[in-house]
C-alpha atoms as a PDB file:
ATOM      1  CA  MET A   1      97.000  94.679 102.478  1.00  0.00           C
ATOM      2  CA  THR A   2      95.550  93.382  99.207  1.00  0.00           C
ATOM      3  CA  ASP A   3      94.064  96.223  97.155  1.00  0.00           C
ATOM      4  CA  PRO A   4      91.236  94.988  94.905  1.00  0.00           C
ATOM      5  CA  ARG A   5      91.949  97.835  92.484  1.00  0.00           C
ATOM      6  CA  VAL A   6      95.378  96.292  91.911  1.00  0.00           C
ATOM      7  CA  LEU A   7      94.463  92.613  91.996  1.00  0.00           C
ATOM      8  CA  GLU A   8      91.175  92.718  90.076  1.00  0.00           C
ATOM      9  CA  PRO A   9      92.747  93.883  86.770  1.00  0.00           C
ATOM     10  CA  ILE A  10      95.405  91.197  87.160  1.00  0.00           C
ATOM     11  CA  ALA A  11      92.670  88.629  87.708  1.00  0.00           C
ATOM     12  CA  ALA A  12      90.864  89.869  84.595  1.00  0.00           C
ATOM     13  CA  ARG A  13      93.993  89.387  82.491  1.00  0.00           C
ATOM     14  CA  GLY A  14      94.491  85.961  84.043  1.00  0.00           C
ATOM     15  CA  TRP A  15      90.975  84.849  83.014  1.00  0.00           C
ATOM     16  CA  PRO A  16      90.601  86.717  79.716  1.00  0.00           C
ATOM     17  CA  ALA A  17      87.244  87.473  78.153  1.00  0.00           C
ATOM     18  CA  ALA A  18      86.747  87.069  74.422  1.00  0.00           C
ATOM     19  CA  GLU A  19      85.819  90.753  74.152  1.00  0.00           C
ATOM     20  CA  SER A  20      86.384  93.753  76.404  1.00  0.00           C
ATOM     21  CA  ALA A  21      85.569  97.459  76.361  1.00  0.00           C
ATOM     22  CA  LYS A  22      85.852 100.473  78.679  1.00  0.00           C
ATOM     23  CA  LEU A  23      83.537 103.102  80.096  1.00  0.00           C
ATOM     24  CA  GLY A  24      86.273 105.105  81.774  1.00  0.00           C
ATOM     25  CA  GLY A  25      87.129 103.100  84.903  1.00  0.00           C
ATOM     26  CA  TRP A  26      84.409 100.549  84.248  1.00  0.00           C
ATOM     27  CA  ARG A  27      85.387  97.417  82.339  1.00  0.00           C
ATOM     28  CA  LEU A  28      82.955  95.475  80.182  1.00  0.00           C
ATOM     29  CA  HIS A  29      83.770  91.807  79.552  1.00  0.00           C
ATOM     30  CA  ALA A  30      81.878  89.380  77.335  1.00  0.00           C
ATOM     31  CA  SER A  31      82.408  85.875  76.021  1.00  0.00           C
ATOM     32  CA  ALA A  32      79.689  83.305  75.359  1.00  0.00           C
ATOM     33  CA  GLY A  33      77.435  84.289  78.256  1.00  0.00           C
ATOM     34  CA  GLN A  34      78.250  81.430  80.632  1.00  0.00           C
ATOM     35  CA  SER A  35      80.968  82.201  83.213  1.00  0.00           C
ATOM     36  CA  GLY A  36      80.279  85.166  85.490  1.00  0.00           C
ATOM     37  CA  ARG A  37      83.616  86.968  85.505  1.00  0.00           C
ATOM     38  CA  ILE A  38      84.050  87.078  81.715  1.00  0.00           C
ATOM     39  CA  ASN A  39      80.483  88.197  81.020  1.00  0.00           C
ATOM     40  CA  THR A  40      80.200  91.046  83.508  1.00  0.00           C
ATOM     41  CA  CYS A  41      80.775  94.767  84.001  1.00  0.00           C
ATOM     42  CA  TRP A  42      83.549  95.452  86.539  1.00  0.00           C
ATOM     43  CA  PRO A  43      82.965  98.998  87.955  1.00  0.00           C
ATOM     44  CA  LEU A  44      86.279  99.478  89.756  1.00  0.00           C
ATOM     45  CA  ASP A  45      86.831 103.201  89.141  1.00  0.00           C
ATOM     46  CA  ALA A  46      84.825 106.206  87.968  1.00  0.00           C
ATOM     47  CA  PRO A  47      83.101 105.820  84.587  1.00  0.00           C
ATOM     48  CA  ASP A  48      83.531 108.411  81.871  1.00  0.00           C
ATOM     49  CA  ARG A  49      79.960 109.683  82.191  1.00  0.00           C
ATOM     50  CA  ASP A  50      77.101 110.153  84.642  1.00  0.00           C
ATOM     51  CA  ILE A  51      76.498 107.000  86.698  1.00  0.00           C
ATOM     52  CA  ASP A  52      72.964 106.366  85.443  1.00  0.00           C
ATOM     53  CA  ALA A  53      74.155 106.933  81.879  1.00  0.00           C
ATOM     54  CA  ALA A  54      77.010 104.480  82.477  1.00  0.00           C
ATOM     55  CA  ILE A  55      74.600 101.834  83.746  1.00  0.00           C
ATOM     56  CA  ALA A  56      72.401 102.356  80.683  1.00  0.00           C
ATOM     57  CA  ALA A  57      75.435 102.154  78.374  1.00  0.00           C
ATOM     58  CA  ALA A  58      76.555  98.903  79.993  1.00  0.00           C
ATOM     59  CA  GLU A  59      73.053  97.496  79.664  1.00  0.00           C
ATOM     60  CA  ALA A  60      72.993  98.435  75.987  1.00  0.00           C
ATOM     61  CA  TRP A  61      76.452  96.912  75.379  1.00  0.00           C
ATOM     62  CA  TYR A  62      75.374  93.547  76.779  1.00  0.00           C
ATOM     63  CA  GLY A  63      71.974  93.741  75.142  1.00  0.00           C
ATOM     64  CA  ALA A  64      73.625  94.202  71.740  1.00  0.00           C
ATOM     65  CA  ARG A  65      75.367  90.873  72.333  1.00  0.00           C
ATOM     66  CA  GLY A  66      72.223  89.085  73.409  1.00  0.00           C
ATOM     67  CA  PHE A  67      73.211  88.870  77.093  1.00  0.00           C
ATOM     68  CA  ALA A  68      71.490  90.034  80.246  1.00  0.00           C
ATOM     69  CA  PRO A  69      73.638  92.741  81.899  1.00  0.00           C
ATOM     70  CA  ARG A  70      75.536  91.826  85.046  1.00  0.00           C
ATOM     71  CA  PHE A  71      77.656  93.952  87.371  1.00  0.00           C
ATOM     72  CA  LYS A  72      80.431  92.599  89.575  1.00  0.00           C
ATOM     73  CA  ILE A  73      80.509  94.608  92.807  1.00  0.00           C
ATOM     74  CA  VAL A  74      83.540  94.234  95.046  1.00  0.00           C
ATOM     75  CA  GLU A  75      82.831  95.106  98.662  1.00  0.00           C
ATOM     76  CA  GLY A  76      84.338  98.466  99.622  1.00  0.00           C
ATOM     77  CA  CYS A  77      85.827  99.040  96.201  1.00  0.00           C
ATOM     78  CA  SER A  78      83.311  99.502  93.388  1.00  0.00           C
ATOM     79  CA  HIS A  79      82.616 102.960  92.012  1.00  0.00           C
ATOM     80  CA  PRO A  80      80.433 104.715  92.974  1.00  0.00           C
ATOM     81  CA  PRO A  81      80.067 103.468  96.566  1.00  0.00           C
ATOM     82  CA  ASP A  82      76.267 103.498  96.238  1.00  0.00           C
ATOM     83  CA  LEU A  83      76.205 101.481  93.002  1.00  0.00           C
ATOM     84  CA  ALA A  84      74.448  98.534  94.669  1.00  0.00           C
ATOM     85  CA  GLU A  85      71.629 100.818  95.794  1.00  0.00           C
ATOM     86  CA  ARG A  86      71.352 102.321  92.315  1.00  0.00           C
ATOM     87  CA  LEU A  87      71.179  98.876  90.745  1.00  0.00           C
ATOM     88  CA  ALA A  88      68.614  97.688  93.292  1.00  0.00           C
ATOM     89  CA  ALA A  89      66.394 100.619  92.290  1.00  0.00           C
ATOM     90  CA  ARG A  90      66.565  99.327  88.702  1.00  0.00           C
ATOM     91  CA  GLY A  91      65.481  95.812  89.679  1.00  0.00           C
ATOM     92  CA  TYR A  92      68.879  94.180  90.190  1.00  0.00           C
ATOM     93  CA  GLY A  93      69.774  91.895  93.081  1.00  0.00           C
ATOM     94  CA  PRO A  94      72.944  90.193  94.390  1.00  0.00           C
ATOM     95  CA  ARG A  95      73.943  86.644  93.443  1.00  0.00           C
ATOM     96  CA  THR A  96      76.840  84.240  94.005  1.00  0.00           C
ATOM     97  CA  PRO A  97      78.932  85.762  96.810  1.00  0.00           C
ATOM     98  CA  THR A  98      82.530  84.916  95.958  1.00  0.00           C
ATOM     99  CA  LEU A  99      85.707  85.205  98.010  1.00  0.00           C
ATOM    100  CA  THR A 100      89.082  86.293  96.719  1.00  0.00           C
ATOM    101  CA  MET A 101      91.791  84.517  98.686  1.00  0.00           C
ATOM    102  CA  VAL A 102      95.524  85.219  98.744  1.00  0.00           C
ATOM    103  CA  GLY A 103      98.344  83.037  99.995  1.00  0.00           C
ATOM    104  CA  PRO A 104     101.877  81.691  99.741  1.00  0.00           C
ATOM    105  CA  LEU A 105     103.386  79.590  96.977  1.00  0.00           C
ATOM    106  CA  ALA A 106     104.689  76.757  99.113  1.00  0.00           C
ATOM    107  CA  GLY A 107     103.940  73.571  97.203  1.00  0.00           C
ATOM    108  CA  GLU A 108     105.939  70.915  95.424  1.00  0.00           C
ATOM    109  CA  VAL A 109     105.460  69.225  92.057  1.00  0.00           C
ATOM    110  CA  ASP A 110     103.619  65.917  92.365  1.00  0.00           C
ATOM    111  CA  PRO A 111     105.441  62.914  90.862  1.00  0.00           C
ATOM    112  CA  ASP A 112     102.292  61.911  88.956  1.00  0.00           C
ATOM    113  CA  ALA A 113     101.707  65.400  87.533  1.00  0.00           C
ATOM    114  CA  THR A 114     102.517  66.762  84.113  1.00  0.00           C
ATOM    115  CA  ILE A 115     102.654  70.500  83.424  1.00  0.00           C
ATOM    116  CA  ALA A 116     101.902  71.699  79.907  1.00  0.00           C
ATOM    117  CA  ALA A 117     101.777  75.117  78.258  1.00  0.00           C
ATOM    118  CA  ALA A 118      98.366  74.421  76.703  1.00  0.00           C
ATOM    119  CA  PRO A 119      95.192  72.469  77.592  1.00  0.00           C
ATOM    120  CA  GLU A 120      95.958  69.127  75.963  1.00  0.00           C
ATOM    121  CA  LEU A 121      93.296  66.526  75.160  1.00  0.00           C
ATOM    122  CA  ALA A 122      93.642  64.601  78.437  1.00  0.00           C
ATOM    123  CA  PHE A 123      93.289  67.859  80.372  1.00  0.00           C
ATOM    124  CA  GLN A 124      90.193  68.763  78.347  1.00  0.00           C
ATOM    125  CA  ARG A 125      88.683  65.356  78.973  1.00  0.00           C
ATOM    126  CA  VAL A 126      88.663  65.956  82.738  1.00  0.00           C
ATOM    127  CA  PHE A 127      87.769  69.633  82.572  1.00  0.00           C
ATOM    128  CA  ALA A 128      84.793  69.091  80.251  1.00  0.00           C
ATOM    129  CA  ASP A 129      83.337  66.104  82.111  1.00  0.00           C
ATOM    130  CA  PRO A 130      79.511  66.434  82.078  1.00  0.00           C
ATOM    131  CA  ALA A 131      79.530  66.303  85.882  1.00  0.00           C
ATOM    132  CA  PHE A 132      80.759  69.912  85.881  1.00  0.00           C
ATOM    133  CA  GLY A 133      77.952  71.346  83.788  1.00  0.00           C
ATOM    134  CA  ALA A 134      76.749  71.943  80.261  1.00  0.00           C
ATOM    135  CA  ASP A 135      78.933  71.557  77.183  1.00  0.00           C
ATOM    136  CA  ALA A 136      78.537  75.277  76.394  1.00  0.00           C
ATOM    137  CA  ASP A 137      79.933  76.239  79.789  1.00  0.00           C
ATOM    138  CA  ALA A 138      82.936  73.935  79.402  1.00  0.00           C
ATOM    139  CA  ALA A 139      83.595  75.221  75.883  1.00  0.00           C
ATOM    140  CA  GLU A 140      83.566  78.854  77.022  1.00  0.00           C
ATOM    141  CA  ARG A 141      85.873  78.131  79.951  1.00  0.00           C
ATOM    142  CA  LEU A 142      88.323  76.120  77.850  1.00  0.00           C
ATOM    143  CA  ALA A 143      88.438  78.973  75.338  1.00  0.00           C
ATOM    144  CA  ALA A 144      89.210  81.407  78.167  1.00  0.00           C
ATOM    145  CA  LEU A 145      91.940  79.143  79.504  1.00  0.00           C
ATOM    146  CA  ALA A 146      93.512  78.992  76.051  1.00  0.00           C
ATOM    147  CA  ARG A 147      93.639  82.817  75.998  1.00  0.00           C
ATOM    148  CA  ILE A 148      95.704  83.065  79.192  1.00  0.00           C
ATOM    149  CA  PRO A 149      98.981  84.757  78.262  1.00  0.00           C
ATOM    150  CA  PRO A 150     102.231  82.966  79.118  1.00  0.00           C
ATOM    151  CA  PRO A 151     103.741  82.064  81.446  1.00  0.00           C
ATOM    152  CA  ARG A 152     100.963  79.652  82.302  1.00  0.00           C
ATOM    153  CA  GLY A 153     100.712  76.066  83.425  1.00  0.00           C
ATOM    154  CA  PHE A 154      98.109  73.366  82.793  1.00  0.00           C
ATOM    155  CA  VAL A 155      98.520  70.592  85.365  1.00  0.00           C
ATOM    156  CA  LEU A 156      97.207  67.061  84.927  1.00  0.00           C
ATOM    157  CA  ILE A 157      97.456  64.167  87.368  1.00  0.00           C
ATOM    158  CA  THR A 158      96.822  60.664  86.083  1.00  0.00           C
ATOM    159  CA  VAL A 159      95.875  57.623  88.159  1.00  0.00           C
ATOM    160  CA  ASP A 160      96.691  54.221  86.677  1.00  0.00           C
ATOM    161  CA  GLY A 161      97.092  55.923  83.317  1.00  0.00           C
ATOM    162  CA  ALA A 162      93.687  57.630  83.419  1.00  0.00           C
ATOM    163  CA  PRO A 163      93.281  61.449  83.474  1.00  0.00           C
ATOM    164  CA  ALA A 164      92.054  62.174  86.993  1.00  0.00           C
ATOM    165  CA  ALA A 165      92.488  65.802  88.072  1.00  0.00           C
ATOM    166  CA  VAL A 166      93.465  69.140  86.552  1.00  0.00           C
ATOM    167  CA  GLY A 167      94.247  72.738  87.441  1.00  0.00           C
ATOM    168  CA  VAL A 168      95.598  75.914  85.868  1.00  0.00           C
ATOM    169  CA  CYS A 169      98.000  78.660  86.868  1.00  0.00           C
ATOM    170  CA  ALA A 170      98.133  82.128  85.258  1.00  0.00           C
ATOM    171  CA  ILE A 171     101.191  84.214  86.124  1.00  0.00           C
ATOM    172  CA  GLU A 172     101.662  87.976  85.941  1.00  0.00           C
ATOM    173  CA  ARG A 173     104.849  89.280  87.551  1.00  0.00           C
ATOM    174  CA  ASP A 174     104.578  88.632  91.313  1.00  0.00           C
ATOM    175  CA  TRP A 175     101.071  87.188  91.148  1.00  0.00           C
ATOM    176  CA  ALA A 176      99.871  83.686  90.280  1.00  0.00           C
ATOM    177  CA  GLY A 177      96.201  82.952  89.720  1.00  0.00           C
ATOM    178  CA  ILE A 178      95.110  79.433  90.695  1.00  0.00           C
ATOM    179  CA  MET A 179      92.013  78.285  88.818  1.00  0.00           C
ATOM    180  CA  GLY A 180      90.285  75.537  86.859  1.00  0.00           C
ATOM    181  CA  MET A 181      90.765  72.859  89.520  1.00  0.00           C
ATOM    182  CA  ARG A 182      88.602  69.827  88.774  1.00  0.00           C
ATOM    183  CA  THR A 183      88.697  66.154  89.729  1.00  0.00           C
ATOM    184  CA  ALA A 184      86.929  63.545  87.595  1.00  0.00           C
ATOM    185  CA  PRO A 185      84.036  61.953  89.512  1.00  0.00           C
ATOM    186  CA  ALA A 186      85.624  58.484  89.592  1.00  0.00           C
ATOM    187  CA  PHE A 187      88.713  59.845  91.372  1.00  0.00           C
ATOM    188  CA  ARG A 188      87.227  62.089  94.043  1.00  0.00           C
ATOM    189  CA  ARG A 189      88.008  61.815  97.761  1.00  0.00           C
ATOM    190  CA  ARG A 190      91.591  60.724  97.110  1.00  0.00           C
ATOM    191  CA  GLY A 191      93.325  63.998  97.953  1.00  0.00           C
ATOM    192  CA  LEU A 192      93.973  64.872  94.316  1.00  0.00           C
ATOM    193  CA  ALA A 193      92.800  68.478  94.670  1.00  0.00           C
ATOM    194  CA  ARG A 194      95.495  69.141  97.277  1.00  0.00           C
ATOM    195  CA  ARG A 195      98.133  67.524  95.047  1.00  0.00           C
ATOM    196  CA  ILE A 196      97.025  69.649  92.085  1.00  0.00           C
ATOM    197  CA  PHE A 197      97.049  72.780  94.224  1.00  0.00           C
ATOM    198  CA  ARG A 198     100.557  72.150  95.518  1.00  0.00           C
ATOM    199  CA  THR A 199     101.848  71.429  92.028  1.00  0.00           C
ATOM    200  CA  LEU A 200     100.355  74.683  90.755  1.00  0.00           C
ATOM    201  CA  THR A 201     101.904  76.745  93.533  1.00  0.00           C
ATOM    202  CA  ALA A 202     105.286  75.084  92.991  1.00  0.00           C
ATOM    203  CA  PHE A 203     105.118  75.830  89.271  1.00  0.00           C
ATOM    204  CA  ALA A 204     104.141  79.428  90.009  1.00  0.00           C
ATOM    205  CA  GLU A 205     107.057  79.966  92.367  1.00  0.00           C
ATOM    206  CA  ALA A 206     109.488  78.434  89.875  1.00  0.00           C
ATOM    207  CA  SER A 207     108.102  80.808  87.252  1.00  0.00           C
ATOM    208  CA  GLY A 208     108.919  83.867  89.364  1.00  0.00           C
ATOM    209  CA  ALA A 209     105.649  84.579  91.176  1.00  0.00           C
ATOM    210  CA  ARG A 210     105.714  85.425  94.886  1.00  0.00           C
ATOM    211  CA  GLN A 211     102.085  85.039  95.962  1.00  0.00           C
ATOM    212  CA  GLY A 212      98.926  83.413  94.741  1.00  0.00           C
ATOM    213  CA  TYR A 213      95.300  84.412  94.425  1.00  0.00           C
ATOM    214  CA  LEU A 214      92.103  82.535  93.669  1.00  0.00           C
ATOM    215  CA  GLN A 215      88.336  82.989  93.632  1.00  0.00           C
ATOM    216  CA  VAL A 216      85.959  80.571  95.318  1.00  0.00           C
ATOM    217  CA  ASP A 217      82.207  80.593  95.996  1.00  0.00           C
ATOM    218  CA  GLU A 218      81.553  81.596  99.596  1.00  0.00           C
ATOM    219  CA  ASP A 219      79.415  78.483 100.141  1.00  0.00           C
ATOM    220  CA  ASN A 220      82.097  76.040  98.910  1.00  0.00           C
ATOM    221  CA  ALA A 221      83.208  75.034 102.396  1.00  0.00           C
ATOM    222  CA  SER A 222      85.348  72.072 101.362  1.00  0.00           C
ATOM    223  CA  ALA A 223      87.388  74.064  98.852  1.00  0.00           C
ATOM    224  CA  ILE A 224      87.841  76.957 101.284  1.00  0.00           C
ATOM    225  CA  ALA A 225      89.056  74.524 103.961  1.00  0.00           C
ATOM    226  CA  LEU A 226      91.652  73.146 101.526  1.00  0.00           C
ATOM    227  CA  TYR A 227      92.913  76.600 100.595  1.00  0.00           C
ATOM    228  CA  GLU A 228      93.071  77.746 104.209  1.00  0.00           C
ATOM    229  CA  ALA A 229      95.047  74.629 105.133  1.00  0.00           C
ATOM    230  CA  GLU A 230      97.548  75.655 102.444  1.00  0.00           C
ATOM    231  CA  GLY A 231      97.928  79.121 103.968  1.00  0.00           C
ATOM    232  CA  PHE A 232      95.470  81.143 101.862  1.00  0.00           C
ATOM    233  CA  VAL A 233      93.247  83.705 103.570  1.00  0.00           C
ATOM    234  CA  SER A 234      90.146  85.586 102.427  1.00  0.00           C
ATOM    235  CA  LYS A 235      90.823  89.212 101.455  1.00  0.00           C
ATOM    236  CA  TYR A 236      87.587  90.498  99.972  1.00  0.00           C
ATOM    237  CA  LEU A 237      84.214  89.428  98.649  1.00  0.00           C
ATOM    238  CA  TYR A 238      82.320  90.268  95.488  1.00  0.00           C
ATOM    239  CA  ARG A 239      78.837  89.556  94.181  1.00  0.00           C
ATOM    240  CA  TYR A 240      77.195  89.603  90.782  1.00  0.00           C
ATOM    241  CA  TRP A 241      74.211  91.916  90.480  1.00  0.00           C
ATOM    242  CA  VAL A 242      71.587  90.758  87.990  1.00  0.00           C
ATOM    243  CA  ARG A 243      67.966  91.535  87.239  1.00  0.00           C
ATOM    244  CA  GLY A 244      65.204  89.292  88.475  1.00  0.00           C
END
């Protein structure tokens, strides 16, 4: 059984925020205000104060940085168990249901793939393509990727010499986080995502990891189908709670 209280801290270290703080068992993460996981309070265990006081302290911490407060609630895990109800009473509501999936590392390195220890320019070119969102979002995510501690792998597949698809692997002991998978618009529907995924899992296994994890939006049916075909299964779901 996958325990979120074990895997969630590993996932946090594998996608590092620019700044972090603690309220007892609650973790506060902030970066540039774009990506959910690195700009959110993770209430995994008991805070070091009364619950309402902890909520207020988290709100103040994010407010001091110019961000709206967000709380990441993992089903069946967050502390206290009635935190969602408490947040709802303060005007918060759930957003972006996201699955955490776990699976085997059973891939092989693609002959057209290169694996680097840092996000090189060709990798950045694909990752920051405007098709994936605003420049500020890409900049924040690239900065987070650059903070991943080694061992780590940045995979790039080229097609006819052009950067086409990318992905990232963050390794901590037995676990390998698969993330940052993107295919440039001109190269979609060619099976590159599967080739990236298999290269990442092969790299992870060669680096000593024994199993992989990833996060994917619950409504991303095509990505979930790919991961399930590669042996990954859903273990738990989380949502972001925000005001408005």
